[in-house]
Amino acid sequence: MSFDLSGCHLYGILDLGYVEPAKAVETTRAMLAGGVQILQLRAKKLPPPEILPLAQNLAPLCRAAGVPLILNDHPELVGPSGADGVHIGQDDQSVAEARRLVGPGKLVGLSTHSPAQARAAFEQKPDYIGFGPLFSTPTKPDYTPIGTADIAEIHRDAPLPIFCIGGIKLENLPQILAVGAQRVVLVSGILRAVDIPAYCSECLHFLREKLP
């Protein structure tokens, strides 16, 4: 299945630092019901043999919803799991190597943490980049927040979709969109919500209402 990310604005991460693996399917169903347009499985503390069956359970759910399933790290698991792509960091393999490992027709995303890294990423030609963390976040406690001052500059003439990430929640979406963001990644805001489908739906509605 091929995906056009140009119309995707709400990217949700199923982070198993917040959700027990046993609740991964239930939480994925809730996120998809709320309208998440890209879903990433992040399982930093699990070894690949434990990530694979989890991803295999989530892939059919995402496929039925028409939503790409992205694995955080582990490009070698994309094919066996039925996932649609991989997200890599600055210290991982190159975009080209990740593409070789995931195979044709799969998505590759890359994290960036500064304007310089974002511009360098454009040259590597991933399918999208993450830009952040904008604010302090328990998800990435070791990263210094970069703020919102560079968002407009990075989006100007960007050749690929940019998803802003880091401490983004429903309540600060107005602030982030006001300075030029077009796409956002949410983690704890979604996963700590009392009603995950309603929270995701409200975020997506706001994004569609405010973006051109």
N, C-alpha and C. Protein backbone atom coordinates (compact mmCIF):
# COMPACT_ATOMS: atom_id res chain seq x y z
N MET A 1 0.85 -1.19 0.00
CA MET A 1 0.00 0.00 0.00
C MET A 1 0.89 1.24 0.00
N SER A 2 0.61 2.18 -0.90
CA SER A 2 1.37 3.43 -0.94
C SER A 2 0.58 4.51 -0.22
N PHE A 3 1.29 5.46 0.36
CA PHE A 3 0.65 6.50 1.15
C PHE A 3 1.11 7.87 0.69
N ASP A 4 0.16 8.78 0.58
CA ASP A 4 0.44 10.18 0.30
C ASP A 4 0.35 10.93 1.62
N LEU A 5 1.49 11.42 2.11
CA LEU A 5 1.52 12.07 3.41
C LEU A 5 1.12 13.54 3.36
N SER A 6 0.88 14.06 2.17
CA SER A 6 0.61 15.50 2.06
C SER A 6 -0.65 15.91 2.83
N GLY A 7 -1.60 15.01 2.93
CA GLY A 7 -2.84 15.34 3.65
C GLY A 7 -2.85 14.87 5.09
N CYS A 8 -1.71 14.38 5.57
CA CYS A 8 -1.62 13.88 6.96
C CYS A 8 -1.13 14.99 7.89
N HIS A 9 -1.88 15.24 8.93
CA HIS A 9 -1.52 16.31 9.86
C HIS A 9 -1.41 15.83 11.31
N LEU A 10 -2.04 14.69 11.63
CA LEU A 10 -2.04 14.20 13.01
C LEU A 10 -1.33 12.85 13.07
N TYR A 11 -0.18 12.84 13.71
CA TYR A 11 0.69 11.67 13.81
C TYR A 11 0.70 11.26 15.28
N GLY A 12 0.26 10.06 15.56
CA GLY A 12 0.22 9.58 16.93
C GLY A 12 1.26 8.51 17.17
N ILE A 13 1.89 8.55 18.34
CA ILE A 13 2.88 7.54 18.68
C ILE A 13 2.35 6.68 19.83
N LEU A 14 2.30 5.38 19.57
CA LEU A 14 1.97 4.41 20.61
C LEU A 14 3.28 4.06 21.31
N ASP A 15 3.56 4.75 22.38
CA ASP A 15 4.82 4.61 23.10
C ASP A 15 4.60 3.65 24.27
N LEU A 16 5.31 2.52 24.24
CA LEU A 16 5.12 1.53 25.28
C LEU A 16 5.78 1.91 26.59
N GLY A 17 6.34 3.12 26.65
CA GLY A 17 6.72 3.69 27.92
C GLY A 17 5.51 4.19 28.69
N TYR A 18 4.40 4.40 27.97
CA TYR A 18 3.15 4.87 28.58
C TYR A 18 2.08 3.79 28.61
N VAL A 19 2.17 2.85 27.68
CA VAL A 19 1.12 1.85 27.51
C VAL A 19 1.71 0.45 27.67
N GLU A 20 1.06 -0.39 28.46
CA GLU A 20 1.53 -1.77 28.60
C GLU A 20 1.39 -2.49 27.26
N PRO A 21 2.36 -3.35 26.92
CA PRO A 21 2.24 -4.10 25.67
C PRO A 21 0.91 -4.84 25.53
N ALA A 22 0.38 -5.32 26.64
CA ALA A 22 -0.89 -6.05 26.59
C ALA A 22 -2.05 -5.16 26.14
N LYS A 23 -1.88 -3.84 26.26
CA LYS A 23 -2.94 -2.91 25.86
C LYS A 23 -2.64 -2.23 24.52
N ALA A 24 -1.63 -2.72 23.81
CA ALA A 24 -1.24 -2.08 22.55
C ALA A 24 -2.36 -2.12 21.51
N VAL A 25 -3.01 -3.27 21.38
CA VAL A 25 -4.08 -3.39 20.37
C VAL A 25 -5.26 -2.50 20.74
N GLU A 26 -5.66 -2.56 22.00
CA GLU A 26 -6.78 -1.73 22.46
C GLU A 26 -6.50 -0.24 22.25
N THR A 27 -5.30 0.20 22.57
CA THR A 27 -4.94 1.61 22.42
C THR A 27 -4.85 1.99 20.95
N THR A 28 -4.32 1.11 20.13
CA THR A 28 -4.26 1.37 18.69
C THR A 28 -5.66 1.54 18.11
N ARG A 29 -6.57 0.67 18.49
CA ARG A 29 -7.95 0.80 18.02
C ARG A 29 -8.54 2.17 18.40
N ALA A 30 -8.24 2.60 19.63
CA ALA A 30 -8.76 3.88 20.09
C ALA A 30 -8.17 5.04 19.30
N MET A 31 -6.86 4.99 19.04
CA MET A 31 -6.21 6.06 18.29
C MET A 31 -6.74 6.12 16.86
N LEU A 32 -6.91 4.97 16.25
CA LEU A 32 -7.43 4.93 14.89
C LEU A 32 -8.88 5.41 14.84
N ALA A 33 -9.66 5.05 15.85
CA ALA A 33 -11.06 5.50 15.90
C ALA A 33 -11.15 7.01 15.99
N GLY A 34 -10.15 7.63 16.65
CA GLY A 34 -10.14 9.07 16.79
C GLY A 34 -9.63 9.82 15.57
N GLY A 35 -9.06 9.10 14.61
CA GLY A 35 -8.65 9.75 13.38
C GLY A 35 -7.17 10.00 13.21
N VAL A 36 -6.33 9.36 14.04
CA VAL A 36 -4.89 9.48 13.83
C VAL A 36 -4.55 9.06 12.40
N GLN A 37 -3.74 9.86 11.71
CA GLN A 37 -3.48 9.63 10.30
C GLN A 37 -2.18 8.89 10.01
N ILE A 38 -1.28 8.86 10.98
CA ILE A 38 -0.08 8.03 10.95
C ILE A 38 0.08 7.50 12.37
N LEU A 39 0.49 6.24 12.50
CA LEU A 39 0.65 5.67 13.83
C LEU A 39 2.02 5.01 13.91
N GLN A 40 2.78 5.40 14.91
CA GLN A 40 4.11 4.82 15.12
C GLN A 40 4.11 3.96 16.38
N LEU A 41 4.73 2.80 16.27
CA LEU A 41 4.96 1.96 17.44
C LEU A 41 6.37 2.22 17.95
N ARG A 42 6.46 2.74 19.17
CA ARG A 42 7.76 3.00 19.79
C ARG A 42 7.88 2.10 21.02
N ALA A 43 8.88 1.24 20.97
CA ALA A 43 9.07 0.28 22.07
C ALA A 43 10.55 0.24 22.40
N LYS A 44 11.05 1.31 22.97
CA LYS A 44 12.48 1.48 23.19
C LYS A 44 13.08 0.42 24.11
N LYS A 45 12.31 -0.09 25.04
CA LYS A 45 12.87 -1.01 26.04
C LYS A 45 12.64 -2.48 25.70
N LEU A 46 12.00 -2.74 24.57
CA LEU A 46 11.74 -4.13 24.20
C LEU A 46 12.74 -4.60 23.15
N PRO A 47 13.17 -5.85 23.23
CA PRO A 47 14.05 -6.40 22.19
C PRO A 47 13.26 -6.71 20.93
N PRO A 48 13.92 -6.75 19.79
CA PRO A 48 13.22 -7.01 18.52
C PRO A 48 12.31 -8.24 18.53
N PRO A 49 12.70 -9.37 19.15
CA PRO A 49 11.80 -10.53 19.13
C PRO A 49 10.46 -10.28 19.82
N GLU A 50 10.41 -9.28 20.71
CA GLU A 50 9.14 -8.95 21.37
C GLU A 50 8.38 -7.87 20.61
N ILE A 51 9.10 -7.04 19.89
CA ILE A 51 8.45 -5.99 19.09
C ILE A 51 7.73 -6.60 17.89
N LEU A 52 8.33 -7.61 17.28
CA LEU A 52 7.78 -8.18 16.04
C LEU A 52 6.34 -8.66 16.19
N PRO A 53 6.01 -9.51 17.18
CA PRO A 53 4.60 -9.94 17.27
C PRO A 53 3.64 -8.80 17.59
N LEU A 54 4.11 -7.81 18.35
CA LEU A 54 3.26 -6.64 18.61
C LEU A 54 2.93 -5.94 17.30
N ALA A 55 3.95 -5.68 16.50
CA ALA A 55 3.74 -4.99 15.23
C ALA A 55 2.86 -5.83 14.30
N GLN A 56 3.03 -7.14 14.33
CA GLN A 56 2.20 -8.00 13.49
C GLN A 56 0.73 -7.93 13.88
N ASN A 57 0.46 -7.68 15.15
CA ASN A 57 -0.93 -7.53 15.60
C ASN A 57 -1.51 -6.17 15.21
N LEU A 58 -0.65 -5.15 15.17
CA LEU A 58 -1.14 -3.80 14.88
C LEU A 58 -1.28 -3.55 13.38
N ALA A 59 -0.44 -4.18 12.58
CA ALA A 59 -0.42 -3.89 11.14
C ALA A 59 -1.79 -4.07 10.46
N PRO A 60 -2.52 -5.16 10.72
CA PRO A 60 -3.83 -5.31 10.07
C PRO A 60 -4.83 -4.24 10.48
N LEU A 61 -4.76 -3.80 11.73
CA LEU A 61 -5.66 -2.75 12.20
C LEU A 61 -5.41 -1.45 11.44
N CYS A 62 -4.13 -1.10 11.32
CA CYS A 62 -3.78 0.12 10.61
C CYS A 62 -4.11 0.02 9.14
N ARG A 63 -3.86 -1.15 8.56
CA ARG A 63 -4.15 -1.33 7.13
C ARG A 63 -5.64 -1.17 6.86
N ALA A 64 -6.45 -1.74 7.73
CA ALA A 64 -7.91 -1.63 7.54
C ALA A 64 -8.38 -0.18 7.63
N ALA A 65 -7.66 0.63 8.41
CA ALA A 65 -8.02 2.04 8.57
C ALA A 65 -7.37 2.93 7.51
N GLY A 66 -6.50 2.34 6.69
CA GLY A 66 -5.79 3.14 5.68
C GLY A 66 -4.74 4.05 6.28
N VAL A 67 -4.21 3.65 7.43
CA VAL A 67 -3.24 4.46 8.16
C VAL A 67 -1.88 3.74 8.17
N PRO A 68 -0.80 4.41 7.77
CA PRO A 68 0.50 3.74 7.80
C PRO A 68 0.97 3.46 9.21
N LEU A 69 1.49 2.25 9.40
CA LEU A 69 2.12 1.87 10.67
C LEU A 69 3.62 2.01 10.51
N ILE A 70 4.21 2.84 11.37
CA ILE A 70 5.65 3.11 11.34
C ILE A 70 6.29 2.48 12.57
N LEU A 71 7.41 1.81 12.39
CA LEU A 71 8.15 1.28 13.52
C LEU A 71 9.26 2.26 13.90
N ASN A 72 9.40 2.53 15.18
CA ASN A 72 10.51 3.34 15.65
C ASN A 72 11.75 2.45 15.69
N ASP A 73 12.77 2.81 14.91
CA ASP A 73 13.97 1.98 14.79
C ASP A 73 13.62 0.64 14.11
N HIS A 74 14.55 -0.25 14.06
CA HIS A 74 14.35 -1.63 13.59
C HIS A 74 13.80 -1.73 12.16
N PRO A 75 14.48 -1.16 11.19
CA PRO A 75 14.01 -1.29 9.81
C PRO A 75 13.92 -2.74 9.36
N GLU A 76 14.73 -3.60 9.97
CA GLU A 76 14.72 -5.02 9.58
C GLU A 76 13.41 -5.72 9.94
N LEU A 77 12.61 -5.09 10.83
CA LEU A 77 11.33 -5.69 11.24
C LEU A 77 10.16 -5.24 10.37
N VAL A 78 10.39 -4.24 9.54
CA VAL A 78 9.27 -3.68 8.76
C VAL A 78 8.65 -4.74 7.85
N GLY A 79 9.47 -5.42 7.08
CA GLY A 79 8.94 -6.44 6.17
C GLY A 79 8.25 -7.58 6.89
N PRO A 80 8.91 -8.24 7.85
CA PRO A 80 8.29 -9.37 8.55
C PRO A 80 7.03 -9.00 9.32
N SER A 81 6.94 -7.75 9.77
CA SER A 81 5.79 -7.35 10.60
C SER A 81 4.59 -6.90 9.78
N GLY A 82 4.83 -6.56 8.52
CA GLY A 82 3.76 -5.98 7.72
C GLY A 82 3.57 -4.50 7.94
N ALA A 83 4.53 -3.86 8.63
CA ALA A 83 4.46 -2.41 8.84
C ALA A 83 4.73 -1.68 7.53
N ASP A 84 4.49 -0.38 7.55
CA ASP A 84 4.58 0.41 6.33
C ASP A 84 5.83 1.29 6.25
N GLY A 85 6.63 1.27 7.31
CA GLY A 85 7.84 2.08 7.27
C GLY A 85 8.54 2.11 8.60
N VAL A 86 9.60 2.93 8.64
CA VAL A 86 10.43 3.03 9.83
C VAL A 86 10.75 4.49 10.11
N HIS A 87 10.95 4.80 11.39
CA HIS A 87 11.40 6.13 11.77
C HIS A 87 12.75 5.97 12.45
N ILE A 88 13.75 6.73 11.98
CA ILE A 88 15.11 6.61 12.51
C ILE A 88 15.56 7.94 13.10
N GLY A 89 16.60 7.86 13.92
CA GLY A 89 17.14 9.04 14.57
C GLY A 89 18.46 9.47 13.97
N GLN A 90 18.99 10.55 14.48
CA GLN A 90 20.24 11.10 13.99
C GLN A 90 21.41 10.14 14.18
N ASP A 91 21.35 9.29 15.18
CA ASP A 91 22.46 8.38 15.47
C ASP A 91 22.27 7.00 14.87
N ASP A 92 21.22 6.83 14.10
CA ASP A 92 20.97 5.54 13.48
C ASP A 92 21.61 5.49 12.10
N GLN A 93 21.26 4.48 11.32
CA GLN A 93 21.80 4.36 9.97
C GLN A 93 21.27 5.49 9.08
N SER A 94 21.85 5.64 7.92
CA SER A 94 21.42 6.68 6.98
C SER A 94 20.04 6.36 6.43
N VAL A 95 19.42 7.36 5.85
CA VAL A 95 18.13 7.16 5.19
C VAL A 95 18.28 6.13 4.08
N ALA A 96 19.34 6.22 3.32
CA ALA A 96 19.57 5.29 2.22
C ALA A 96 19.68 3.85 2.73
N GLU A 97 20.40 3.66 3.83
CA GLU A 97 20.53 2.31 4.39
C GLU A 97 19.20 1.82 4.94
N ALA A 98 18.45 2.71 5.58
CA ALA A 98 17.13 2.33 6.08
C ALA A 98 16.22 1.91 4.93
N ARG A 99 16.29 2.63 3.82
CA ARG A 99 15.47 2.27 2.66
C ARG A 99 15.86 0.89 2.13
N ARG A 100 17.14 0.61 2.12
CA ARG A 100 17.59 -0.69 1.65
C ARG A 100 17.03 -1.81 2.53
N LEU A 101 17.00 -1.56 3.83
CA LEU A 101 16.55 -2.58 4.77
C LEU A 101 15.03 -2.77 4.75
N VAL A 102 14.28 -1.69 4.58
CA VAL A 102 12.82 -1.83 4.63
C VAL A 102 12.25 -2.33 3.30
N GLY A 103 12.98 -2.09 2.22
CA GLY A 103 12.51 -2.55 0.92
C GLY A 103 11.68 -1.51 0.21
N PRO A 104 11.37 -1.77 -1.05
CA PRO A 104 10.67 -0.78 -1.88
C PRO A 104 9.25 -0.51 -1.39
N GLY A 105 8.81 0.71 -1.61
CA GLY A 105 7.43 1.08 -1.30
C GLY A 105 7.16 1.37 0.15
N LYS A 106 8.20 1.41 0.98
CA LYS A 106 8.02 1.68 2.40
C LYS A 106 8.44 3.11 2.73
N LEU A 107 7.92 3.63 3.84
CA LEU A 107 8.21 4.99 4.28
C LEU A 107 9.43 5.02 5.21
N VAL A 108 10.19 6.09 5.11
CA VAL A 108 11.31 6.32 6.02
C VAL A 108 11.21 7.74 6.56
N GLY A 109 11.11 7.87 7.88
CA GLY A 109 11.09 9.17 8.53
C GLY A 109 12.37 9.37 9.32
N LEU A 110 12.75 10.63 9.52
CA LEU A 110 14.00 10.95 10.20
C LEU A 110 13.78 12.06 11.22
N SER A 111 14.29 11.87 12.43
CA SER A 111 14.22 12.90 13.46
C SER A 111 15.27 13.97 13.22
N THR A 112 14.89 15.22 13.44
CA THR A 112 15.84 16.34 13.39
C THR A 112 15.60 17.22 14.60
N HIS A 113 16.69 17.87 15.08
CA HIS A 113 16.61 18.62 16.33
C HIS A 113 17.13 20.05 16.20
N SER A 114 17.34 20.50 14.98
CA SER A 114 17.81 21.87 14.74
C SER A 114 17.55 22.21 13.28
N PRO A 115 17.55 23.49 12.95
CA PRO A 115 17.41 23.86 11.54
C PRO A 115 18.49 23.25 10.67
N ALA A 116 19.72 23.18 11.17
CA ALA A 116 20.81 22.60 10.38
C ALA A 116 20.55 21.12 10.09
N GLN A 117 20.09 20.41 11.10
CA GLN A 117 19.79 19.00 10.87
C GLN A 117 18.62 18.83 9.90
N ALA A 118 17.63 19.70 10.00
CA ALA A 118 16.50 19.63 9.08
C ALA A 118 16.95 19.85 7.64
N ARG A 119 17.78 20.85 7.43
CA ARG A 119 18.26 21.11 6.07
C ARG A 119 19.12 19.96 5.55
N ALA A 120 19.93 19.38 6.43
CA ALA A 120 20.73 18.22 6.02
C ALA A 120 19.82 17.04 5.68
N ALA A 121 18.73 16.91 6.42
CA ALA A 121 17.79 15.82 6.16
C ALA A 121 17.13 15.96 4.80
N PHE A 122 16.84 17.19 4.40
CA PHE A 122 16.23 17.40 3.09
C PHE A 122 17.09 16.76 1.99
N GLU A 123 18.40 16.83 2.17
CA GLU A 123 19.32 16.27 1.17
C GLU A 123 19.27 14.74 1.14
N GLN A 124 18.95 14.14 2.29
CA GLN A 124 18.87 12.67 2.35
C GLN A 124 17.57 12.12 1.77
N LYS A 125 16.60 13.02 1.62
CA LYS A 125 15.31 12.67 1.00
C LYS A 125 14.54 11.55 1.72
N PRO A 126 14.32 11.70 3.03
CA PRO A 126 13.36 10.80 3.67
C PRO A 126 11.95 11.16 3.18
N ASP A 127 10.97 10.40 3.60
CA ASP A 127 9.58 10.72 3.21
C ASP A 127 9.00 11.84 4.06
N TYR A 128 9.54 12.02 5.26
CA TYR A 128 9.13 13.12 6.13
C TYR A 128 10.21 13.27 7.19
N ILE A 129 10.18 14.40 7.90
CA ILE A 129 11.05 14.56 9.06
C ILE A 129 10.22 14.93 10.28
N GLY A 130 10.74 14.56 11.44
CA GLY A 130 10.24 15.10 12.70
C GLY A 130 11.14 16.26 13.09
N PHE A 131 10.55 17.32 13.65
CA PHE A 131 11.33 18.50 14.04
C PHE A 131 11.00 18.84 15.49
N GLY A 132 11.99 18.72 16.36
CA GLY A 132 11.75 19.00 17.78
C GLY A 132 12.87 18.43 18.64
N PRO A 133 12.64 18.32 19.95
CA PRO A 133 11.38 18.61 20.63
C PRO A 133 11.17 20.10 20.83
N LEU A 134 9.96 20.55 20.53
CA LEU A 134 9.65 21.97 20.70
C LEU A 134 9.66 22.36 22.18
N PHE A 135 9.08 21.51 23.00
CA PHE A 135 8.96 21.79 24.43
C PHE A 135 9.55 20.62 25.21
N SER A 136 9.79 20.83 26.50
CA SER A 136 10.28 19.73 27.32
C SER A 136 9.20 18.65 27.38
N THR A 137 9.65 17.41 27.38
CA THR A 137 8.72 16.30 27.36
C THR A 137 9.32 15.11 28.08
N PRO A 138 8.54 14.41 28.89
CA PRO A 138 9.05 13.22 29.56
C PRO A 138 9.39 12.10 28.59
N THR A 139 8.84 12.18 27.38
CA THR A 139 9.15 11.16 26.38
C THR A 139 10.61 11.22 25.96
N LYS A 140 11.17 12.44 25.92
CA LYS A 140 12.57 12.63 25.53
C LYS A 140 13.26 13.51 26.58
N PRO A 141 13.46 13.00 27.79
CA PRO A 141 13.98 13.84 28.88
C PRO A 141 15.39 14.34 28.67
N ASP A 142 16.16 13.68 27.80
CA ASP A 142 17.56 14.06 27.61
C ASP A 142 17.76 15.09 26.50
N TYR A 143 16.67 15.48 25.85
CA TYR A 143 16.79 16.43 24.74
C TYR A 143 16.43 17.84 25.21
N THR A 144 17.23 18.81 24.81
CA THR A 144 16.95 20.21 25.14
C THR A 144 15.88 20.74 24.19
N PRO A 145 14.81 21.32 24.71
CA PRO A 145 13.77 21.87 23.83
C PRO A 145 14.34 22.94 22.90
N ILE A 146 13.87 22.93 21.66
CA ILE A 146 14.38 23.91 20.69
C ILE A 146 13.43 25.08 20.49
N GLY A 147 12.23 25.01 21.08
CA GLY A 147 11.30 26.12 20.95
C GLY A 147 10.64 26.18 19.59
N THR A 148 9.95 27.28 19.35
CA THR A 148 9.14 27.40 18.13
C THR A 148 9.65 28.46 17.16
N ALA A 149 10.75 29.13 17.50
CA ALA A 149 11.20 30.28 16.70
C ALA A 149 11.60 29.91 15.28
N ASP A 150 12.06 28.66 15.07
CA ASP A 150 12.56 28.28 13.75
C ASP A 150 11.53 27.57 12.88
N ILE A 151 10.33 27.38 13.38
CA ILE A 151 9.35 26.59 12.64
C ILE A 151 9.03 27.21 11.28
N ALA A 152 8.77 28.50 11.24
CA ALA A 152 8.40 29.13 9.98
C ALA A 152 9.52 29.02 8.95
N GLU A 153 10.76 29.24 9.41
CA GLU A 153 11.89 29.18 8.49
C GLU A 153 12.05 27.79 7.90
N ILE A 154 11.94 26.76 8.72
CA ILE A 154 12.13 25.39 8.25
C ILE A 154 11.02 24.99 7.28
N HIS A 155 9.83 25.50 7.48
CA HIS A 155 8.72 25.14 6.59
C HIS A 155 8.79 25.88 5.26
N ARG A 156 9.53 26.97 5.21
CA ARG A 156 9.57 27.76 3.98
C ARG A 156 10.25 26.96 2.87
N ASP A 157 9.50 26.65 1.83
CA ASP A 157 10.02 25.91 0.67
C ASP A 157 10.55 24.53 1.04
N ALA A 158 10.05 23.94 2.12
CA ALA A 158 10.48 22.59 2.50
C ALA A 158 10.04 21.59 1.43
N PRO A 159 10.91 20.66 1.04
CA PRO A 159 10.58 19.74 -0.04
C PRO A 159 9.83 18.49 0.42
N LEU A 160 9.53 18.40 1.71
CA LEU A 160 8.86 17.21 2.23
C LEU A 160 8.08 17.58 3.48
N PRO A 161 7.16 16.72 3.92
CA PRO A 161 6.35 17.03 5.10
C PRO A 161 7.21 17.11 6.37
N ILE A 162 6.88 18.08 7.22
CA ILE A 162 7.57 18.28 8.50
C ILE A 162 6.55 18.10 9.62
N PHE A 163 6.84 17.17 10.53
CA PHE A 163 5.97 16.94 11.67
C PHE A 163 6.66 17.47 12.93
N CYS A 164 6.08 18.51 13.50
CA CYS A 164 6.63 19.06 14.74
C CYS A 164 6.29 18.13 15.90
N ILE A 165 7.24 18.00 16.83
CA ILE A 165 7.09 17.01 17.90
C ILE A 165 7.71 17.56 19.19
N GLY A 166 7.24 17.03 20.31
CA GLY A 166 7.86 17.35 21.59
C GLY A 166 7.00 18.21 22.48
N GLY A 167 6.27 17.59 23.39
CA GLY A 167 5.44 18.34 24.33
C GLY A 167 4.20 18.95 23.71
N ILE A 168 3.80 18.45 22.55
CA ILE A 168 2.62 19.01 21.87
C ILE A 168 1.37 18.33 22.38
N LYS A 169 0.39 19.15 22.72
CA LYS A 169 -0.89 18.66 23.22
C LYS A 169 -2.01 19.51 22.62
N LEU A 170 -3.22 19.08 22.84
CA LEU A 170 -4.37 19.81 22.29
C LEU A 170 -4.34 21.27 22.72
N GLU A 171 -3.97 21.53 23.98
CA GLU A 171 -4.06 22.90 24.48
C GLU A 171 -3.01 23.84 23.87
N ASN A 172 -1.91 23.32 23.36
CA ASN A 172 -0.94 24.24 22.75
C ASN A 172 -0.92 24.17 21.22
N LEU A 173 -1.86 23.45 20.64
CA LEU A 173 -1.94 23.44 19.17
C LEU A 173 -2.12 24.85 18.58
N PRO A 174 -2.96 25.71 19.18
CA PRO A 174 -3.09 27.05 18.60
C PRO A 174 -1.76 27.79 18.53
N GLN A 175 -0.96 27.69 19.58
CA GLN A 175 0.34 28.36 19.61
C GLN A 175 1.26 27.83 18.52
N ILE A 176 1.26 26.54 18.32
CA ILE A 176 2.18 25.91 17.37
C ILE A 176 1.78 26.22 15.93
N LEU A 177 0.48 26.15 15.66
CA LEU A 177 0.03 26.47 14.30
C LEU A 177 0.21 27.95 13.98
N ALA A 178 0.11 28.79 15.01
CA ALA A 178 0.24 30.23 14.78
C ALA A 178 1.63 30.62 14.31
N VAL A 179 2.64 29.81 14.62
CA VAL A 179 4.00 30.13 14.20
C VAL A 179 4.43 29.34 12.97
N GLY A 180 3.49 28.66 12.33
CA GLY A 180 3.78 28.06 11.03
C GLY A 180 3.80 26.56 10.94
N ALA A 181 3.57 25.85 12.03
CA ALA A 181 3.53 24.39 11.94
C ALA A 181 2.32 23.95 11.12
N GLN A 182 2.47 22.84 10.42
CA GLN A 182 1.40 22.30 9.60
C GLN A 182 1.02 20.87 9.99
N ARG A 183 1.95 20.19 10.64
CA ARG A 183 1.72 18.79 11.02
C ARG A 183 2.32 18.58 12.41
N VAL A 184 1.68 17.73 13.20
CA VAL A 184 2.14 17.56 14.58
C VAL A 184 2.15 16.08 14.97
N VAL A 185 3.04 15.78 15.91
CA VAL A 185 3.11 14.46 16.52
C VAL A 185 2.70 14.59 17.98
N LEU A 186 1.79 13.75 18.42
CA LEU A 186 1.38 13.73 19.82
C LEU A 186 1.67 12.38 20.43
N VAL A 187 2.12 12.40 21.66
CA VAL A 187 2.42 11.15 22.36
C VAL A 187 1.64 11.11 23.67
N SER A 188 2.19 11.75 24.72
CA SER A 188 1.56 11.65 26.03
C SER A 188 0.18 12.29 26.07
N GLY A 189 -0.02 13.34 25.29
CA GLY A 189 -1.34 13.97 25.25
C GLY A 189 -2.43 12.97 24.89
N ILE A 190 -2.13 12.14 23.90
CA ILE A 190 -3.07 11.11 23.48
C ILE A 190 -3.13 9.99 24.50
N LEU A 191 -1.97 9.47 24.87
CA LEU A 191 -1.93 8.25 25.66
C LEU A 191 -2.40 8.45 27.10
N ARG A 192 -2.37 9.69 27.58
CA ARG A 192 -2.86 9.97 28.93
C ARG A 192 -4.29 10.50 28.95
N ALA A 193 -4.89 10.62 27.78
CA ALA A 193 -6.25 11.15 27.70
C ALA A 193 -7.24 10.17 28.32
N VAL A 194 -8.25 10.71 28.95
CA VAL A 194 -9.30 9.86 29.54
C VAL A 194 -10.08 9.16 28.44
N ASP A 195 -10.33 9.88 27.35
CA ASP A 195 -11.06 9.34 26.20
C ASP A 195 -10.19 9.55 24.96
N ILE A 196 -9.42 8.53 24.59
CA ILE A 196 -8.46 8.67 23.51
C ILE A 196 -9.12 8.99 22.17
N PRO A 197 -10.19 8.29 21.77
CA PRO A 197 -10.81 8.64 20.48
C PRO A 197 -11.30 10.09 20.44
N ALA A 198 -11.92 10.54 21.52
CA ALA A 198 -12.43 11.91 21.56
C ALA A 198 -11.29 12.92 21.50
N TYR A 199 -10.20 12.64 22.19
CA TYR A 199 -9.05 13.55 22.21
C TYR A 199 -8.44 13.65 20.81
N CYS A 200 -8.22 12.51 20.17
CA CYS A 200 -7.65 12.52 18.82
C CYS A 200 -8.58 13.24 17.84
N SER A 201 -9.87 12.97 17.97
CA SER A 201 -10.85 13.59 17.08
C SER A 201 -10.85 15.10 17.23
N GLU A 202 -10.72 15.57 18.46
CA GLU A 202 -10.71 17.01 18.70
C GLU A 202 -9.45 17.65 18.12
N CYS A 203 -8.32 16.97 18.26
CA CYS A 203 -7.07 17.47 17.67
C CYS A 203 -7.19 17.55 16.15
N LEU A 204 -7.69 16.49 15.54
CA LEU A 204 -7.80 16.47 14.09
C LEU A 204 -8.77 17.52 13.59
N HIS A 205 -9.87 17.69 14.29
CA HIS A 205 -10.85 18.71 13.90
C HIS A 205 -10.22 20.10 13.95
N PHE A 206 -9.45 20.37 15.00
CA PHE A 206 -8.81 21.67 15.13
C PHE A 206 -7.81 21.88 13.99
N LEU A 207 -7.01 20.86 13.69
CA LEU A 207 -6.02 20.98 12.62
C LEU A 207 -6.69 21.25 11.28
N ARG A 208 -7.76 20.53 11.00
CA ARG A 208 -8.45 20.71 9.71
C ARG A 208 -9.14 22.07 9.63
N GLU A 209 -9.57 22.57 10.77
CA GLU A 209 -10.26 23.86 10.80
C GLU A 209 -9.28 25.00 10.60
N LYS A 210 -8.07 24.88 11.14
CA LYS A 210 -7.13 25.99 11.16
C LYS A 210 -6.14 25.98 9.99
N LEU A 211 -5.89 24.80 9.42
CA LEU A 211 -4.91 24.74 8.34
C LEU A 211 -5.55 24.99 6.99
N PRO A 212 -4.81 25.59 6.05
CA PRO A 212 -5.40 25.86 4.73
C PRO A 212 -5.67 24.58 3.96
